[in-house]
Protein backbone atom coordinates (compact mmCIF):
# COMPACT_ATOMS: atom_id res chain seq x y z
CA UNK A 1 0.00 0.00 0.00
CA UNK A 2 1.24 3.55 -0.66
CA UNK A 3 2.82 5.18 2.36
CA UNK A 4 0.99 8.48 1.73
CA UNK A 5 -2.57 9.27 0.75
CA UNK A 6 -2.92 10.69 -2.77
CA UNK A 7 -6.70 11.23 -2.73
CA UNK A 8 -6.47 15.02 -2.93
CA UNK A 9 -2.87 15.33 -4.00
CA UNK A 10 -2.22 17.00 -7.40
CA UNK A 11 -0.21 14.84 -9.78
CA UNK A 12 0.44 15.47 -13.47
CA UNK A 13 0.16 11.74 -14.21
CA UNK A 14 -1.73 9.02 -12.34
CA UNK A 15 -1.09 5.67 -14.06
CA UNK A 16 -3.48 2.87 -13.12
CA UNK A 17 -1.74 0.51 -10.69
CA UNK A 18 -4.12 -2.31 -11.67
CA UNK A 19 -2.75 -2.30 -15.23
CA UNK A 20 0.88 -2.91 -14.21
CA UNK A 21 2.41 -6.19 -15.35
CA UNK A 22 5.94 -7.54 -14.95
CA UNK A 23 8.48 -6.31 -15.75
CA UNK A 24 6.97 -3.28 -14.08
CA UNK A 25 9.43 -0.72 -15.39
CA UNK A 26 8.77 -1.70 -19.03
CA UNK A 27 5.03 -1.72 -18.49
CA UNK A 28 5.22 1.70 -16.86
CA UNK A 29 7.00 3.11 -19.91
CA UNK A 30 4.37 1.55 -22.19
CA UNK A 31 1.69 3.27 -20.11
CA UNK A 32 3.61 6.54 -20.36
CA UNK A 33 3.83 6.11 -24.13
CA UNK A 34 0.09 5.58 -24.37
CA UNK A 35 -0.59 8.64 -22.20
CA UNK A 36 1.53 10.71 -24.59
CA UNK A 37 -0.17 9.18 -27.62
CA UNK A 38 -3.73 10.02 -26.49
CA UNK A 39 -2.79 13.52 -25.34
CA UNK A 40 -3.10 12.89 -21.60
CA UNK A 41 0.52 14.06 -21.23
CA UNK A 42 1.26 17.02 -23.52
CA UNK A 43 4.71 18.17 -24.56
CA UNK A 44 6.64 19.90 -21.78
CA UNK A 45 4.54 18.69 -18.85
CA UNK A 46 6.55 17.85 -15.74
CA UNK A 47 6.26 14.21 -14.65
CA UNK A 48 5.92 13.29 -10.99
CA UNK A 49 9.20 12.93 -9.07
CA UNK A 50 10.44 9.34 -9.10
CA UNK A 51 9.98 8.69 -5.37
CA UNK A 52 6.53 10.27 -5.44
CA UNK A 53 5.42 8.09 -8.34
CA UNK A 54 6.94 5.02 -6.69
CA UNK A 55 4.95 5.72 -3.53
CA UNK A 56 1.74 6.29 -5.52
CA UNK A 57 2.15 2.99 -7.40
CA UNK A 58 3.53 1.07 -4.42
CA UNK A 59 6.73 0.25 -6.33
CA UNK A 60 10.39 0.27 -5.42
CA UNK A 61 11.92 3.67 -6.32
CA UNK A 62 14.59 1.87 -8.36
CA UNK A 63 11.82 0.47 -10.61
CA UNK A 64 10.56 3.95 -11.42
CA UNK A 65 14.15 5.10 -11.91
CA UNK A 66 14.65 2.35 -14.51
CA UNK A 67 11.36 3.29 -16.17
CA UNK A 68 12.35 6.95 -16.50
CA UNK A 69 15.74 5.91 -17.89
CA UNK A 70 14.07 3.69 -20.51
CA UNK A 71 11.63 6.49 -21.37
CA UNK A 72 14.61 8.77 -22.04
CA UNK A 73 16.11 6.14 -24.36
CA UNK A 74 12.82 5.97 -26.28
CA UNK A 75 12.83 9.75 -26.66
CA UNK A 76 9.67 10.19 -24.60
CA UNK A 77 11.14 12.37 -21.85
CA UNK A 78 14.16 14.49 -21.01
CA UNK A 79 15.60 15.56 -17.67
CA UNK A 80 16.79 18.93 -16.40
CA UNK A 81 19.09 18.80 -13.38
CA UNK A 82 17.40 20.31 -10.36
CA UNK A 83 14.07 20.78 -12.17
CA UNK A 84 12.75 17.31 -12.97
CA UNK A 85 11.65 15.12 -15.90
CA UNK A 86 9.53 16.45 -18.75
CA UNK A 87 7.68 15.07 -21.78
CA UNK A 88 10.03 15.57 -24.74
CA UNK A 89 9.15 17.88 -27.64
CA UNK A 90 9.32 15.00 -30.13
CA UNK A 91 7.60 12.42 -27.95
CA UNK A 92 4.29 12.24 -29.79
CA UNK A 93 5.84 12.78 -33.21
CA UNK A 94 8.13 9.82 -32.59
CA UNK A 95 5.14 7.62 -31.81
CA UNK A 96 2.93 8.60 -34.72
CA UNK A 97 5.32 9.64 -37.47
CA UNK A 98 8.42 7.51 -37.91
CA UNK A 99 9.55 6.69 -41.45
CA UNK A 100 7.48 9.14 -43.48
CA UNK A 101 6.61 8.19 -47.01
CA UNK A 102 4.99 10.46 -49.53
CA UNK A 103 1.22 10.69 -49.21
CA UNK A 104 -0.27 10.73 -52.68
CA UNK A 105 -3.40 12.34 -51.29
CA UNK A 106 -1.50 15.37 -50.00
CA UNK A 107 0.58 18.09 -51.56
CA UNK A 108 4.01 17.42 -50.09
CA UNK A 109 5.52 20.46 -48.37
CA UNK A 110 7.17 18.49 -45.60
CA UNK A 111 10.09 16.56 -47.05
CA UNK A 112 13.07 18.58 -48.27
CA UNK A 113 14.26 16.74 -51.36
CA UNK A 114 15.94 19.31 -53.57
CA UNK A 115 13.58 18.89 -56.56
CA UNK A 116 13.84 16.14 -59.18
CA UNK A 117 13.88 18.22 -62.35
CA UNK A 118 17.44 17.31 -63.28
CA UNK A 119 16.99 13.54 -63.39
CA UNK A 120 17.81 13.47 -67.12
CA UNK A 121 21.32 14.83 -66.47
CA UNK A 122 21.83 12.29 -63.70
CA UNK A 123 20.58 9.45 -65.91
CA UNK A 124 23.07 10.44 -68.59
CA UNK A 125 25.89 10.27 -66.03
CA UNK A 126 24.71 6.80 -64.97
CA UNK A 127 24.78 5.62 -68.61
CA UNK A 128 28.29 6.99 -69.04
CA UNK A 129 29.51 5.18 -65.93
CA UNK A 130 27.84 1.92 -66.96
CA UNK A 131 29.79 1.88 -70.24
CA UNK A 132 33.18 2.06 -68.58
CA UNK A 133 35.34 -1.02 -68.68
CA UNK A 134 36.28 -0.83 -65.02
CA UNK A 135 32.69 -0.98 -63.72
CA UNK A 136 33.18 -4.47 -62.14
CA UNK A 137 36.06 -3.04 -60.09
CA UNK A 138 33.60 -0.68 -58.39
CA UNK A 139 31.76 -3.69 -56.95
CA UNK A 140 34.54 -4.94 -54.63
CA UNK A 141 35.63 -3.90 -51.14
CA UNK A 142 38.67 -1.84 -52.12
CA UNK A 143 39.11 1.83 -51.26
CA UNK A 144 36.51 2.01 -48.47
CA UNK A 145 36.84 5.80 -48.21
CA UNK A 146 36.67 6.40 -51.97
CA UNK A 147 38.90 5.96 -55.03
CA UNK A 148 41.47 8.69 -55.73
CA UNK A 149 39.34 10.32 -58.46
CA UNK A 150 36.34 10.28 -56.09
CA UNK A 151 38.47 12.15 -53.55
CA UNK A 152 39.58 14.59 -56.24
CA UNK A 153 35.93 15.18 -57.16
CA UNK A 154 35.21 15.74 -53.49
CA UNK A 155 37.94 18.35 -53.20
CA UNK A 156 36.56 20.16 -56.23
CA UNK A 157 33.05 20.00 -54.76
CA UNK A 158 34.27 21.39 -51.42
CA UNK A 159 35.95 24.26 -53.26
CA UNK A 160 32.73 25.03 -55.14
CA UNK A 161 30.85 24.99 -51.85
CA UNK A 162 33.12 27.66 -50.38
CA UNK A 163 35.93 25.71 -48.69
CA UNK A 164 39.09 27.64 -49.54
CA UNK A 165 41.76 25.52 -47.87
CA UNK A 166 43.03 22.05 -48.77
CA UNK A 167 41.75 19.69 -46.07
CA UNK A 168 44.31 17.00 -45.18
CA UNK A 169 41.67 14.28 -45.29
CA UNK A 170 38.62 13.95 -47.56
CA UNK A 171 36.53 10.77 -47.42
CA UNK A 172 33.36 9.69 -49.17
CA UNK A 173 30.38 8.84 -46.96
CA UNK A 174 26.91 7.54 -47.75
CA UNK A 175 25.22 10.92 -47.46
CA UNK A 176 25.23 13.54 -44.72
CA UNK A 177 23.33 11.35 -42.27
CA UNK A 178 26.01 8.68 -42.59
CA UNK A 179 28.72 11.33 -42.25
CA UNK A 180 27.16 12.44 -38.97
CA UNK A 181 27.05 8.84 -37.71
CA UNK A 182 30.70 8.36 -38.65
CA UNK A 183 31.72 11.60 -36.92
CA UNK A 184 29.80 10.91 -33.72
CA UNK A 185 31.09 7.34 -33.51
CA UNK A 186 34.67 8.43 -34.22
CA UNK A 187 34.99 11.47 -31.97
CA UNK A 188 32.35 11.21 -29.25
CA UNK A 189 31.27 8.78 -26.55
CA UNK A 190 28.05 8.14 -24.64
CA UNK A 191 27.57 10.86 -22.06
CA UNK A 192 29.39 13.57 -24.04
CA UNK A 193 27.63 16.89 -24.47
CA UNK A 194 27.26 18.64 -27.82
CA UNK A 195 26.03 22.23 -28.10
CA UNK A 196 23.34 22.86 -30.72
CA UNK A 197 20.86 25.52 -31.78
CA UNK A 198 17.54 25.46 -29.92
CA UNK A 199 15.91 24.23 -33.15
CA UNK A 200 18.04 21.90 -35.24
CA UNK A 201 18.13 18.99 -37.70
CA UNK A 202 15.79 16.32 -36.22
CA UNK A 203 17.81 13.39 -37.52
CA UNK A 204 20.81 14.68 -35.58
CA UNK A 205 18.62 14.81 -32.47
CA UNK A 206 17.62 11.18 -32.95
CA UNK A 207 21.20 10.08 -33.70
CA UNK A 208 22.36 11.65 -30.45
CA UNK A 209 19.66 9.77 -28.55
CA UNK A 210 20.70 6.46 -30.12
CA UNK A 211 24.35 7.04 -29.17
CA UNK A 212 23.67 8.39 -25.68
CA UNK A 213 25.04 11.86 -26.49
CA UNK A 214 23.42 14.79 -24.71
CA UNK A 215 22.43 17.76 -26.86
CA UNK A 216 22.43 21.10 -25.05
CA UNK A 217 20.60 24.02 -26.72
CA UNK A 218 22.42 27.35 -26.92
CA UNK A 219 20.66 30.69 -27.25
CA UNK A 220 20.90 32.45 -30.59
CA UNK A 221 19.53 35.38 -32.56
CA UNK A 222 18.97 36.35 -36.19
CA UNK A 223 22.69 35.74 -36.87
CA UNK A 224 22.78 32.26 -35.38
CA UNK A 225 24.22 30.77 -32.20
CA UNK A 226 25.58 33.42 -29.82
CA UNK A 227 29.25 33.11 -28.94
CA UNK A 228 28.76 34.47 -25.41
CA UNK A 229 26.00 31.90 -24.75
CA UNK A 230 28.22 29.08 -26.01
CA UNK A 231 31.07 30.28 -23.78
CA UNK A 232 28.74 30.53 -20.78
CA UNK A 233 27.58 26.97 -21.36
CA UNK A 234 31.19 25.75 -21.49
CA UNK A 235 31.85 27.47 -18.15
CA UNK A 236 28.91 25.77 -16.49
CA UNK A 237 29.25 22.19 -17.81
CA UNK A 238 31.78 20.13 -19.75
CA UNK A 239 31.02 20.34 -23.48
CA UNK A 240 32.79 18.19 -26.06
CA UNK A 241 31.57 19.66 -29.34
CA UNK A 242 29.20 21.94 -31.22
CA UNK A 243 26.96 21.08 -34.18
CA UNK A 244 26.39 23.93 -36.61
CA UNK A 245 24.64 24.49 -39.93
CA UNK A 246 26.09 27.96 -40.54
CA UNK A 247 25.25 28.34 -44.23
CA UNK A 248 21.50 27.78 -43.89
CA UNK A 249 20.32 26.35 -40.59
CA UNK A 250 17.66 23.66 -40.76
CA UNK A 251 14.86 24.53 -39.98
CA UNK A 252 15.24 28.26 -39.26
CA UNK A 253 17.07 29.28 -42.51
CA UNK A 254 19.42 31.43 -40.39
CA UNK A 255 22.69 32.28 -42.17
CA UNK A 256 25.63 32.91 -39.85
CA UNK A 257 27.65 35.90 -41.12
CA UNK A 258 31.44 36.02 -41.09
CA UNK A 259 31.75 38.13 -37.96
CA UNK A 260 29.63 35.71 -35.91
CA UNK A 261 31.62 32.74 -37.22
CA UNK A 262 34.85 34.41 -36.08
CA UNK A 263 33.45 34.90 -32.58
CA UNK A 264 32.23 31.30 -32.37
CA UNK A 265 35.63 30.13 -33.64
CA UNK A 266 37.44 31.92 -30.82
CA UNK A 267 35.26 30.17 -28.23
CA UNK A 268 35.75 26.79 -29.91
CA UNK A 269 39.53 27.20 -29.97
CA UNK A 270 39.71 28.41 -26.37
CA UNK A 271 37.50 25.57 -25.12
CA UNK A 272 39.04 22.94 -27.46
CA UNK A 273 35.68 21.88 -28.91
CA UNK A 274 35.01 19.75 -31.97
CA UNK A 275 32.91 21.53 -34.61
CA UNK A 276 30.60 19.39 -36.73
CA UNK A 277 29.90 21.65 -39.70
CA UNK A 278 26.90 20.50 -41.74
CA UNK A 279 26.94 22.38 -45.03
CA UNK A 280 23.29 22.39 -46.04
CA UNK A 281 22.21 25.18 -48.32
CA UNK A 282 25.28 25.54 -50.50
CA UNK A 283 23.13 24.79 -53.56
CA UNK A 284 22.60 28.52 -53.88
CA UNK A 285 25.58 29.99 -52.09
CA UNK A 286 28.16 27.76 -53.74
CA UNK A 287 30.12 28.45 -56.91
CA UNK A 288 31.79 31.53 -55.41
CA UNK A 289 28.64 33.30 -54.23
CA UNK A 290 26.99 34.04 -57.55
CA UNK A 291 24.05 35.74 -55.83
CA UNK A 292 26.18 38.83 -55.23
CA UNK A 293 27.19 38.15 -51.64
CA UNK A 294 30.65 36.89 -50.64
CA UNK A 295 30.74 33.38 -49.25
CA UNK A 296 31.34 33.46 -45.48
CA UNK A 297 34.39 31.47 -44.33
CA UNK A 298 33.73 27.86 -43.45
CA UNK A 299 34.75 26.59 -40.03
CA UNK A 300 36.98 24.01 -41.74
CA UNK A 301 39.02 27.03 -42.94
CA UNK A 302 38.80 29.01 -39.71
CA UNK A 303 39.59 26.03 -37.46
CA UNK A 304 40.95 23.15 -39.55
CA UNK A 305 42.22 21.22 -36.50
CA UNK A 306 38.87 21.50 -34.70
CA UNK A 307 36.37 20.91 -37.52
CA UNK A 308 34.74 18.03 -39.34
CA UNK A 309 33.02 19.49 -42.40
CA UNK A 310 30.31 17.49 -44.20
CA UNK A 311 29.26 18.66 -47.69
CA UNK A 312 26.09 17.13 -49.10
CA UNK A 313 25.43 16.24 -52.73
CA UNK A 314 22.03 14.53 -52.46
CA UNK A 315 19.77 17.60 -52.40
CA UNK A 316 22.05 19.42 -54.81
CA UNK A 317 22.42 16.65 -57.41
CA UNK A 318 20.11 13.67 -56.83
CA UNK A 319 18.35 12.26 -53.78
CA UNK A 320 19.06 8.63 -54.67
CA UNK A 321 22.83 9.19 -54.87
CA UNK A 322 23.66 8.83 -51.20
CA UNK A 323 27.03 10.58 -51.26
CA UNK A 324 28.60 13.29 -49.12
CA UNK A 325 32.19 14.46 -48.75
CA UNK A 326 33.62 14.64 -45.24
CA UNK A 327 36.70 16.81 -44.70
CA UNK A 328 38.95 17.03 -41.65
CA UNK A 329 42.58 17.54 -40.60
CA UNK A 330 45.26 14.99 -39.74
CA UNK A 331 44.13 15.31 -36.12
CA UNK A 332 40.97 13.33 -36.88
CA UNK A 333 42.03 11.37 -39.97
CA UNK A 334 42.73 7.98 -38.37
CA UNK A 335 39.60 7.95 -36.19
CA UNK A 336 37.36 9.08 -39.06
CA UNK A 337 38.68 6.51 -41.55
CA UNK A 338 38.49 3.78 -38.88
CA UNK A 339 34.85 4.70 -38.25
CA UNK A 340 34.01 4.76 -41.98
CA UNK A 341 35.25 1.20 -42.35
CA UNK A 342 33.53 -0.09 -39.22
CA UNK A 343 30.22 1.68 -39.84
CA UNK A 344 30.00 1.13 -43.60
CA UNK A 345 32.70 -1.39 -44.56
CA UNK A 346 32.77 0.96 -47.54
CA UNK A 347 30.70 3.64 -49.20
CA UNK A 348 29.01 2.67 -52.47
CA UNK A 349 31.64 3.15 -55.19
CA UNK A 350 28.91 3.07 -57.83
CA UNK A 351 27.09 6.04 -56.32
CA UNK A 352 30.41 7.82 -55.79
CA UNK A 353 31.38 7.17 -59.43
CA UNK A 354 28.19 8.80 -60.72
CA UNK A 355 28.65 11.82 -58.45
CA UNK A 356 32.31 12.10 -59.49
CA UNK A 357 31.28 11.93 -63.16
CA UNK A 358 28.84 14.81 -62.64
CA UNK A 359 31.42 16.92 -60.84
CA UNK A 360 34.47 16.23 -63.01
CA UNK A 361 32.53 16.52 -66.29
CA UNK A 362 30.93 19.82 -65.31
CA UNK A 363 27.40 18.41 -65.32
CA UNK A 364 27.04 19.29 -61.64
CA UNK A 365 27.44 22.98 -62.49
CA UNK A 366 24.48 22.79 -64.87
CA UNK A 367 22.36 21.02 -62.25
CA UNK A 368 23.25 23.62 -59.62
CA UNK A 369 22.34 26.45 -61.99
CA UNK A 370 18.97 24.85 -62.80
CA UNK A 371 18.14 24.18 -59.17
CA UNK A 372 19.20 27.68 -58.18
CA UNK A 373 16.65 29.08 -60.59
CA UNK A 374 13.95 26.77 -59.23
CA UNK A 375 14.74 27.87 -55.68
CA UNK A 376 14.47 31.51 -56.67
CA UNK A 377 11.11 30.91 -58.36
CA UNK A 378 9.67 28.92 -55.45
CA UNK A 379 10.75 31.49 -52.85
CA UNK A 380 9.26 34.30 -54.91
CA UNK A 381 6.03 32.29 -55.12
CA UNK A 382 6.04 31.82 -51.34
CA UNK A 383 6.58 35.55 -50.77
CA UNK A 384 3.67 36.42 -53.07
CA UNK A 385 1.30 34.07 -51.25
CA UNK A 386 2.56 34.90 -47.76
CA UNK A 387 3.23 38.59 -48.38
CA UNK A 388 3.85 39.37 -44.70
CA UNK A 389 6.24 36.47 -44.14
CA UNK A 390 9.58 37.33 -42.52
CA UNK A 391 12.47 37.29 -44.97
CA UNK A 392 15.02 34.51 -44.42
CA UNK A 393 18.61 35.57 -43.71
CA UNK A 394 19.76 33.02 -46.29
CA UNK A 395 18.61 33.88 -49.83
CA UNK A 396 16.26 31.46 -51.55
CA UNK A 397 16.42 28.49 -49.15
CA UNK A 398 14.99 25.03 -49.80
CA UNK A 399 12.39 25.63 -47.06
CA UNK A 400 10.86 28.45 -45.02
CA UNK A 401 10.33 28.84 -41.28
CA UNK A 402 6.84 30.11 -40.51
CA UNK A 403 5.63 31.36 -37.11
CA UNK A 404 2.02 30.30 -36.48
CA UNK A 405 -0.77 30.70 -33.95
CA UNK A 406 -2.71 27.45 -34.09
CA UNK A 407 -4.31 25.70 -31.17
CA UNK A 408 -3.51 22.07 -30.44
CA UNK A 409 -0.46 19.84 -30.18
CA UNK A 410 2.11 19.59 -32.93
CA UNK A 411 0.65 16.29 -34.14
CA UNK A 412 -2.89 17.68 -34.09
CA UNK A 413 -1.78 20.67 -36.17
CA UNK A 414 0.02 18.47 -38.70
CA UNK A 415 -3.01 16.17 -38.94
CA UNK A 416 -5.38 19.11 -39.39
CA UNK A 417 -3.29 20.47 -42.27
CA UNK A 418 -2.92 17.01 -43.79
CA UNK A 419 -6.70 16.61 -43.70
CA UNK A 420 -6.91 19.91 -45.59
CA UNK A 421 -4.67 18.44 -48.28
CA UNK A 422 -1.15 19.62 -47.46
CA UNK A 423 1.63 18.12 -45.40
CA UNK A 424 4.12 20.31 -43.54
CA UNK A 425 6.31 19.71 -40.48
CA UNK A 426 5.66 21.35 -37.13
CA UNK A 427 8.54 23.03 -35.32
CA UNK A 428 8.36 20.56 -32.44
CA UNK A 429 10.10 18.02 -34.67
CA UNK A 430 13.18 20.27 -34.58
CA UNK A 431 13.05 21.46 -30.98
CA UNK A 432 15.91 20.20 -28.77
CA UNK A 433 14.20 20.84 -25.43
CA UNK A 434 10.93 22.13 -24.09
CA UNK A 435 12.53 25.47 -23.20
CA UNK A 436 12.54 26.72 -26.83
CA UNK A 437 9.66 29.15 -27.29
CA UNK A 438 7.26 29.77 -30.12
CA UNK A 439 5.22 27.69 -32.54
CA UNK A 440 6.39 27.22 -36.12
CA UNK A 441 5.99 25.27 -39.33
CA UNK A 442 8.80 24.32 -41.66
CA UNK A 443 7.47 24.54 -45.20
CA UNK A 444 9.49 22.77 -47.88
CA UNK A 445 9.66 24.47 -51.27
CA UNK A 446 11.73 21.79 -52.98
CA UNK A 447 9.49 18.75 -53.24
CA UNK A 448 8.75 19.00 -56.92
CA UNK A 449 5.33 18.11 -58.28
CA UNK A 450 5.27 21.00 -60.71
CA UNK A 451 4.81 24.71 -59.96
CA UNK A 452 1.01 24.55 -60.18
CA UNK A 453 0.76 21.86 -57.50
CA UNK A 454 3.22 23.62 -55.20
CA UNK A 455 1.24 26.84 -55.59
CA UNK A 456 -2.01 25.03 -54.73
CA UNK A 457 -0.36 23.60 -51.65
CA UNK A 458 0.87 26.99 -50.45
CA UNK A 459 -2.53 28.59 -51.05
CA UNK A 460 -4.25 25.74 -49.20
CA UNK A 461 -1.88 26.27 -46.29
CA UNK A 462 -2.53 30.02 -46.29
CA UNK A 463 -6.31 29.54 -46.35
CA UNK A 464 -6.23 26.97 -43.57
CA UNK A 465 -4.12 29.23 -41.35
CA UNK A 466 -6.41 32.18 -42.09
CA UNK A 467 -9.46 30.04 -41.26
CA UNK A 468 -7.92 29.05 -37.94
CA UNK A 469 -7.25 32.70 -37.16
CA UNK A 470 -10.92 33.51 -37.88
CA UNK A 471 -12.04 30.70 -35.58
CA UNK A 472 -9.97 32.14 -32.72
CA UNK A 473 -11.40 35.62 -33.28
CA UNK A 474 -15.04 34.45 -33.35
CA UNK A 475 -16.72 34.86 -29.92
CA UNK A 476 -18.21 31.71 -28.45
């Protein structure tokens, strides 16, 4: 029997003791998951203290401790030292939306895919590669980090994307996501802390959970992460690294200018941090800043001995070619190449050969030019439909970050918009902790179904948001 009476005691969660089955800690997490799923426990709510819940359920406190630990592993909750345990921002999204596929019944404004209007150029590169006499050689296990001409293509690609130095080590990975896995496995351990923006790439959030790495949000402004906030964090707790998307942050579109990068670099060097530089967005800014603005220095140039730089090709060239180029200094070379082999055995030489063909033949330049024009057109369309939308600090991004005032949970909002015929992603998918304020949508402008369909999707979204605003204003 519980030691205390809970008849009139306020508790944020009262699981039914009669439903508990052994092992109790697993069952308790399943009950917590169901409470999140049905909306009984909304995002950010504080769960009962472990001893209090143990007393209420007549369980050993260690059982509840194990349950909370398992709930953290599942991404359902997060803890704040001295404050308690809270329902995680992504908890309900993780339960209801896992491996998203395209919904033919909806206009897709959720996935960021980088268009597919250049498939003919990619197909021609595939045909060229297939006719080469050495194709069978690409099928073996040799050169796990890429053949020499793949590395040369990677160096050229890095230069186009704004990297001005000559990184000591360039390896081929199976896309950015794989490059992040390789970097985290090579340079970090469970329990390490990595500083991130308050809203960041959701796949990086999930990778950190899988590897037991703690992500700590750092305050920022319209120019990106603040150097003084990063330094203050490093004074208060031990931080191992910082994850940045300085060219065009996903999802906020924030572009970090040169002066801010210099300030962040000084903190990184003084605190001996590892920078993971994720170079999303270079589709427009690459090729020496042809939009009339100088390319800001990359961290791999500012801090070559502290930075792992990952340059994508999938959104820029073709989604199905899972290739990225990872650059680092001799300081990290051995650990990175060791991780590439043990995570991948090797990266697909066939994919790498097609990407190298596009880069070395000049076809990639044509694809970039075409996609740049599409990005300009889609952003101009967005600005016409949402005429009062805030301008992004990065010009013509692949997606836009939209503040909203809609009632309901993130999943309810996504489902409401999907029912109206359009799919977008709520900001809670990108939120690192419950302390980040505001409600947002990330609206992709690069899933290509033709300009007419994209325009219909944006107008549907505008009308639905306007209708919700009218509902709030109508007296009941």
